[in-house]
Amino acid sequence: MEIMPEMDRRSFHEDRVSYYEVDLIKSRDSRTALQFKLTNGEIIEGAIRWFDERALRIVRQDRTEVTVYMHSILYFENMPK
């Protein structure tokens, strides 16, 4: 009788990357300037330094950095030219 190895408890869907994350990865890697609209009405402009499932770090044009929680972002878009 063959003993099966223990299965990974994560579902198969957790290994996939969402379209939202693909946009974040592309923007981070190309250092694209973005505009983030937050739930409190504030707009933050800058490029993504890093992100994870809970937050992202934005580098502003003056080189200051700010961490923003994902749940506080309504949407993001490329900076208008």
N, C-alpha and C. Protein backbone atom coordinates (compact mmCIF):
# COMPACT_ATOMS: atom_id res chain seq x y z
N MET A 1 0.84 -1.18 0.00
CA MET A 1 0.00 0.00 0.00
C MET A 1 0.89 1.25 0.00
N GLU A 2 0.59 2.17 -0.89
CA GLU A 2 1.39 3.38 -1.03
C GLU A 2 0.81 4.49 -0.15
N ILE A 3 1.68 5.18 0.54
CA ILE A 3 1.24 6.29 1.40
C ILE A 3 1.35 7.58 0.59
N MET A 4 0.27 8.31 0.54
CA MET A 4 0.24 9.57 -0.21
C MET A 4 0.83 10.69 0.64
N PRO A 5 1.62 11.57 0.05
CA PRO A 5 2.14 12.71 0.81
C PRO A 5 0.99 13.63 1.22
N GLU A 6 1.20 14.33 2.31
CA GLU A 6 0.17 15.25 2.78
C GLU A 6 -0.04 16.36 1.76
N MET A 7 -1.29 16.66 1.47
CA MET A 7 -1.62 17.69 0.49
C MET A 7 -1.42 19.07 1.11
N ASP A 8 -1.03 19.99 0.28
CA ASP A 8 -0.93 21.38 0.71
C ASP A 8 -2.35 21.87 1.01
N ARG A 9 -2.53 22.57 2.10
CA ARG A 9 -3.87 22.98 2.51
C ARG A 9 -4.42 24.16 1.73
N ARG A 10 -3.57 24.85 0.99
CA ARG A 10 -4.06 25.97 0.19
C ARG A 10 -4.87 25.44 -0.99
N SER A 11 -5.85 26.20 -1.39
CA SER A 11 -6.62 25.82 -2.57
C SER A 11 -5.79 26.12 -3.82
N PHE A 12 -6.19 25.55 -4.91
CA PHE A 12 -5.47 25.76 -6.16
C PHE A 12 -5.59 27.22 -6.62
N HIS A 13 -6.66 27.90 -6.25
CA HIS A 13 -6.88 29.27 -6.69
C HIS A 13 -5.97 30.27 -5.99
N GLU A 14 -5.44 29.95 -4.84
CA GLU A 14 -4.58 30.87 -4.11
C GLU A 14 -3.24 31.07 -4.80
N ASP A 15 -2.85 30.15 -5.65
CA ASP A 15 -1.58 30.26 -6.35
C ASP A 15 -1.67 31.14 -7.59
N ARG A 16 -2.88 31.49 -7.98
CA ARG A 16 -3.07 32.31 -9.18
C ARG A 16 -2.93 33.78 -8.84
N VAL A 17 -2.54 34.56 -9.82
CA VAL A 17 -2.39 36.00 -9.64
C VAL A 17 -3.60 36.68 -10.29
N SER A 18 -4.23 37.60 -9.58
CA SER A 18 -5.40 38.29 -10.11
C SER A 18 -4.99 39.36 -11.12
N TYR A 19 -5.96 39.81 -11.91
CA TYR A 19 -5.69 40.89 -12.87
C TYR A 19 -5.23 42.14 -12.14
N TYR A 20 -5.79 42.39 -10.96
CA TYR A 20 -5.42 43.54 -10.14
C TYR A 20 -3.93 43.47 -9.78
N GLU A 21 -3.48 42.29 -9.36
CA GLU A 21 -2.08 42.12 -9.00
C GLU A 21 -1.16 42.23 -10.22
N VAL A 22 -1.63 41.76 -11.36
CA VAL A 22 -0.83 41.88 -12.58
C VAL A 22 -0.60 43.35 -12.91
N ASP A 23 -1.64 44.18 -12.78
CA ASP A 23 -1.48 45.62 -13.01
C ASP A 23 -0.49 46.23 -12.02
N LEU A 24 -0.56 45.82 -10.76
CA LEU A 24 0.37 46.33 -9.76
C LEU A 24 1.80 45.92 -10.06
N ILE A 25 1.99 44.68 -10.47
CA ILE A 25 3.33 44.18 -10.79
C ILE A 25 3.91 44.93 -11.98
N LYS A 26 3.11 45.11 -13.03
CA LYS A 26 3.59 45.84 -14.21
C LYS A 26 3.95 47.28 -13.87
N SER A 27 3.10 47.92 -13.08
CA SER A 27 3.34 49.31 -12.69
C SER A 27 4.58 49.44 -11.82
N ARG A 28 4.74 48.49 -10.89
CA ARG A 28 5.92 48.51 -10.01
C ARG A 28 7.20 48.32 -10.82
N ASP A 29 7.20 47.33 -11.70
CA ASP A 29 8.41 47.02 -12.46
C ASP A 29 8.80 48.12 -13.45
N SER A 30 7.82 48.81 -14.00
CA SER A 30 8.12 49.89 -14.95
C SER A 30 8.23 51.25 -14.27
N ARG A 31 8.00 51.28 -12.95
CA ARG A 31 8.05 52.52 -12.15
C ARG A 31 7.12 53.59 -12.72
N THR A 32 5.95 53.15 -13.13
CA THR A 32 4.95 54.05 -13.69
C THR A 32 4.36 54.92 -12.58
N ALA A 33 4.22 56.22 -12.86
CA ALA A 33 3.60 57.13 -11.90
C ALA A 33 2.09 56.89 -11.93
N LEU A 34 1.52 56.67 -10.75
CA LEU A 34 0.10 56.38 -10.62
C LEU A 34 -0.57 57.39 -9.71
N GLN A 35 -1.88 57.44 -9.82
CA GLN A 35 -2.70 58.28 -8.96
C GLN A 35 -3.65 57.36 -8.21
N PHE A 36 -3.59 57.38 -6.88
CA PHE A 36 -4.42 56.51 -6.04
C PHE A 36 -5.51 57.33 -5.38
N LYS A 37 -6.75 56.95 -5.57
CA LYS A 37 -7.89 57.61 -4.91
C LYS A 37 -8.25 56.76 -3.70
N LEU A 38 -8.23 57.38 -2.50
CA LEU A 38 -8.49 56.67 -1.26
C LEU A 38 -9.93 56.86 -0.81
N THR A 39 -10.38 56.01 0.11
CA THR A 39 -11.76 56.06 0.58
C THR A 39 -12.08 57.35 1.33
N ASN A 40 -11.07 58.02 1.88
CA ASN A 40 -11.30 59.28 2.59
C ASN A 40 -11.28 60.49 1.64
N GLY A 41 -11.15 60.25 0.33
CA GLY A 41 -11.15 61.32 -0.65
C GLY A 41 -9.78 61.83 -1.03
N GLU A 42 -8.77 61.43 -0.29
CA GLU A 42 -7.39 61.87 -0.56
C GLU A 42 -6.88 61.23 -1.84
N ILE A 43 -6.05 61.95 -2.56
CA ILE A 43 -5.40 61.43 -3.76
C ILE A 43 -3.90 61.43 -3.51
N ILE A 44 -3.28 60.28 -3.71
CA ILE A 44 -1.84 60.14 -3.54
C ILE A 44 -1.24 59.79 -4.90
N GLU A 45 -0.19 60.50 -5.26
CA GLU A 45 0.47 60.29 -6.54
C GLU A 45 1.88 59.77 -6.31
N GLY A 46 2.28 58.78 -7.09
CA GLY A 46 3.62 58.26 -6.99
C GLY A 46 3.75 56.89 -7.63
N ALA A 47 4.92 56.30 -7.49
CA ALA A 47 5.21 54.98 -8.06
C ALA A 47 5.24 53.94 -6.94
N ILE A 48 4.93 52.72 -7.28
CA ILE A 48 4.90 51.64 -6.30
C ILE A 48 6.32 51.16 -6.04
N ARG A 49 6.70 51.10 -4.78
CA ARG A 49 8.01 50.54 -4.39
C ARG A 49 7.88 49.05 -4.13
N TRP A 50 6.88 48.67 -3.35
CA TRP A 50 6.58 47.27 -3.07
C TRP A 50 5.11 47.15 -2.68
N PHE A 51 4.59 45.93 -2.71
CA PHE A 51 3.24 45.68 -2.23
C PHE A 51 3.11 44.24 -1.80
N ASP A 52 2.14 43.99 -0.93
CA ASP A 52 1.76 42.64 -0.56
C ASP A 52 0.24 42.60 -0.51
N GLU A 53 -0.33 41.57 0.10
CA GLU A 53 -1.79 41.44 0.09
C GLU A 53 -2.49 42.47 0.99
N ARG A 54 -1.77 43.14 1.87
CA ARG A 54 -2.39 44.09 2.80
C ARG A 54 -2.08 45.56 2.53
N ALA A 55 -0.93 45.85 1.96
CA ALA A 55 -0.51 47.25 1.82
C ALA A 55 0.41 47.42 0.62
N LEU A 56 0.63 48.68 0.27
CA LEU A 56 1.64 48.99 -0.73
C LEU A 56 2.38 50.25 -0.32
N ARG A 57 3.60 50.35 -0.79
CA ARG A 57 4.47 51.47 -0.46
C ARG A 57 4.61 52.33 -1.71
N ILE A 58 4.32 53.63 -1.57
CA ILE A 58 4.34 54.55 -2.70
C ILE A 58 5.47 55.55 -2.50
N VAL A 59 6.27 55.73 -3.56
CA VAL A 59 7.34 56.73 -3.56
C VAL A 59 6.81 57.94 -4.33
N ARG A 60 6.73 59.07 -3.65
CA ARG A 60 6.24 60.29 -4.28
C ARG A 60 7.35 60.94 -5.11
N GLN A 61 6.98 61.95 -5.87
CA GLN A 61 7.94 62.61 -6.75
C GLN A 61 9.06 63.29 -5.95
N ASP A 62 8.77 63.76 -4.73
CA ASP A 62 9.80 64.40 -3.91
C ASP A 62 10.63 63.39 -3.10
N ARG A 63 10.49 62.10 -3.44
CA ARG A 63 11.24 60.98 -2.84
C ARG A 63 10.77 60.59 -1.44
N THR A 64 9.70 61.20 -0.92
CA THR A 64 9.13 60.73 0.34
C THR A 64 8.31 59.48 0.04
N GLU A 65 8.15 58.65 1.05
CA GLU A 65 7.42 57.40 0.88
C GLU A 65 6.25 57.34 1.85
N VAL A 66 5.19 56.67 1.41
CA VAL A 66 4.01 56.50 2.25
C VAL A 66 3.48 55.08 2.04
N THR A 67 3.04 54.47 3.13
CA THR A 67 2.43 53.15 3.07
C THR A 67 0.92 53.31 3.11
N VAL A 68 0.24 52.63 2.20
CA VAL A 68 -1.22 52.71 2.10
C VAL A 68 -1.78 51.30 2.20
N TYR A 69 -2.80 51.13 3.06
CA TYR A 69 -3.46 49.83 3.18
C TYR A 69 -4.35 49.59 1.97
N MET A 70 -4.37 48.37 1.47
CA MET A 70 -5.14 48.02 0.28
C MET A 70 -6.63 48.31 0.45
N HIS A 71 -7.16 48.07 1.65
CA HIS A 71 -8.60 48.26 1.84
C HIS A 71 -9.01 49.73 1.78
N SER A 72 -8.05 50.64 1.82
CA SER A 72 -8.38 52.07 1.76
C SER A 72 -8.28 52.64 0.34
N ILE A 73 -7.93 51.82 -0.64
CA ILE A 73 -7.80 52.29 -2.03
C ILE A 73 -9.10 52.02 -2.78
N LEU A 74 -9.70 53.09 -3.31
CA LEU A 74 -10.89 52.92 -4.15
C LEU A 74 -10.49 52.46 -5.55
N TYR A 75 -9.51 53.16 -6.12
CA TYR A 75 -9.01 52.79 -7.44
C TYR A 75 -7.67 53.48 -7.66
N PHE A 76 -6.97 53.05 -8.71
CA PHE A 76 -5.74 53.72 -9.12
C PHE A 76 -5.72 53.78 -10.63
N GLU A 77 -5.01 54.78 -11.15
CA GLU A 77 -4.91 54.96 -12.59
C GLU A 77 -3.58 55.62 -12.90
N ASN A 78 -3.19 55.56 -14.18
CA ASN A 78 -1.97 56.24 -14.61
C ASN A 78 -2.13 57.74 -14.42
N MET A 79 -1.04 58.41 -14.11
CA MET A 79 -1.07 59.86 -13.92
C MET A 79 -1.44 60.53 -15.25
N PRO A 80 -2.32 61.52 -15.19
CA PRO A 80 -2.62 62.27 -16.41
C PRO A 80 -1.39 63.06 -16.87
N LYS A 81 -1.20 63.13 -18.18
CA LYS A 81 -0.01 63.82 -18.71
C LYS A 81 -0.29 65.26 -19.02
